[in-house]
Amino acid sequence: MSKDPFAGKAERLAQLSRSVLASDTTSDVDEANWDVIAEDCVLARIDSIRILGGLPVHQPPLSREERCERLKTLLGYWANGCPFVIDECLFADILNRRRTI
């Protein structure tokens, strides 16, 4: 048994991040679909961590290009074994757009 309770989750997150990044290079996954899959991965991570002080939800929304670039960068970190890297602006943008009323 691991002394780090997040170790199993980190490995699953790395695998999910790699699969999402791999789908970016396939032609059968359109860009809008990739965005949804990548954002789902980020939302799963948000659910598993505690962010002290909240997110900067007052920030202006990210452009689609900036959001895609930030998603690729963040998923790249997670896929390469850095599960504690976060992008507060990206998290806030996704939560603001996906907020259920």
Protein backbone atom coordinates (compact mmCIF):
# COMPACT_ATOMS: atom_id res chain seq x y z
CA MET A 1 0.00 0.00 0.00
CA SER A 2 1.31 3.44 -0.88
CA LYS A 3 2.02 5.99 1.81
CA ASP A 4 0.69 8.67 -0.54
CA PRO A 5 -3.11 8.38 -0.85
CA PHE A 6 -3.05 10.45 -4.06
CA ALA A 7 -0.58 8.12 -5.83
CA GLY A 8 -3.30 5.95 -7.38
CA LYS A 9 -5.34 8.97 -8.42
CA ALA A 10 -2.25 10.63 -9.86
CA GLU A 11 -1.52 7.60 -12.03
CA ARG A 12 -5.12 7.46 -13.28
CA LEU A 13 -4.98 11.20 -13.98
CA ALA A 14 -1.72 10.80 -15.92
CA GLN A 15 -3.26 8.00 -18.00
CA LEU A 16 -6.39 10.04 -18.69
CA SER A 17 -4.28 13.09 -19.62
CA ARG A 18 -2.18 11.01 -22.02
CA SER A 19 -5.29 9.57 -23.67
CA VAL A 20 -6.84 13.04 -24.09
CA LEU A 21 -3.59 14.41 -25.52
CA ALA A 22 -3.34 11.41 -27.87
CA SER A 23 -6.87 12.02 -29.14
CA ASP A 24 -5.76 15.53 -30.16
CA THR A 25 -3.64 14.01 -32.92
CA THR A 26 -6.33 11.73 -34.36
CA SER A 27 -8.44 12.99 -37.23
CA ASP A 28 -11.66 11.31 -36.07
CA VAL A 29 -11.96 13.58 -33.01
CA ASP A 30 -13.10 17.06 -33.96
CA GLU A 31 -11.79 20.09 -32.05
CA ALA A 32 -15.02 20.81 -30.17
CA ASN A 33 -15.18 17.20 -29.01
CA TRP A 34 -11.55 17.33 -27.87
CA ASP A 35 -12.27 20.47 -25.84
CA VAL A 36 -15.13 18.75 -24.02
CA ILE A 37 -13.02 15.66 -23.28
CA ALA A 38 -10.07 17.76 -22.07
CA GLU A 39 -12.32 19.94 -19.91
CA ASP A 40 -13.93 16.83 -18.41
CA CYS A 41 -10.45 15.69 -17.42
CA VAL A 42 -9.78 19.06 -15.76
CA LEU A 43 -13.14 18.96 -13.97
CA ALA A 44 -12.32 15.49 -12.64
CA ARG A 45 -9.08 16.89 -11.24
CA ILE A 46 -10.84 19.89 -9.70
CA ASP A 47 -13.18 17.49 -7.90
CA SER A 48 -10.21 15.67 -6.37
CA ILE A 49 -8.33 18.66 -4.92
CA ARG A 50 -8.99 21.41 -2.45
CA ILE A 51 -8.20 24.90 -3.66
CA LEU A 52 -7.63 27.21 -0.73
CA GLY A 53 -8.92 30.74 -1.18
CA GLY A 54 -11.10 29.89 -4.16
CA LEU A 55 -10.59 30.58 -7.83
CA PRO A 56 -10.33 33.98 -9.51
CA VAL A 57 -13.85 33.74 -10.99
CA HIS A 58 -13.86 37.48 -11.68
CA GLN A 59 -11.32 37.00 -14.50
CA PRO A 60 -12.48 37.63 -18.08
CA PRO A 61 -13.22 34.49 -20.08
CA LEU A 62 -10.34 32.93 -22.03
CA SER A 63 -10.41 32.93 -25.80
CA ARG A 64 -10.89 29.54 -27.41
CA GLU A 65 -7.29 29.50 -28.66
CA GLU A 66 -5.87 30.42 -25.27
CA ARG A 67 -8.09 27.86 -23.54
CA CYS A 68 -6.95 25.08 -25.92
CA GLU A 69 -3.30 26.01 -25.46
CA ARG A 70 -3.66 26.05 -21.66
CA LEU A 71 -5.50 22.70 -21.73
CA LYS A 72 -2.72 21.09 -23.77
CA THR A 73 -0.05 22.52 -21.49
CA LEU A 74 -1.80 21.47 -18.28
CA LEU A 75 -2.64 17.98 -19.52
CA GLY A 76 0.98 17.65 -20.65
CA TYR A 77 2.19 18.34 -17.13
CA TRP A 78 -0.27 15.84 -15.67
CA ALA A 79 0.59 13.20 -18.27
CA ASN A 80 4.29 13.56 -17.45
CA GLY A 81 3.92 13.02 -13.73
CA CYS A 82 3.25 16.51 -12.36
CA PRO A 83 -0.31 16.09 -11.01
CA PHE A 84 -0.14 19.05 -8.64
CA VAL A 85 0.27 21.70 -11.35
CA ILE A 86 -2.86 23.84 -11.61
CA ASP A 87 -3.94 26.72 -13.82
CA GLU A 88 -6.30 28.84 -11.73
CA CYS A 89 -7.48 30.98 -14.65
CA LEU A 90 -8.23 27.90 -16.75
CA PHE A 91 -10.04 26.21 -13.85
CA ALA A 92 -12.14 29.35 -13.27
CA ASP A 93 -12.92 29.70 -16.99
CA ILE A 94 -14.13 26.12 -17.25
CA LEU A 95 -16.19 26.35 -14.08
CA ASN A 96 -17.78 29.64 -15.17
CA ARG A 97 -18.76 28.23 -18.57
CA ARG A 98 -19.92 24.85 -17.24
CA ARG A 99 -21.70 26.12 -14.14
CA THR A 100 -25.13 24.54 -13.85
CA ILE A 101 -27.93 26.82 -12.84
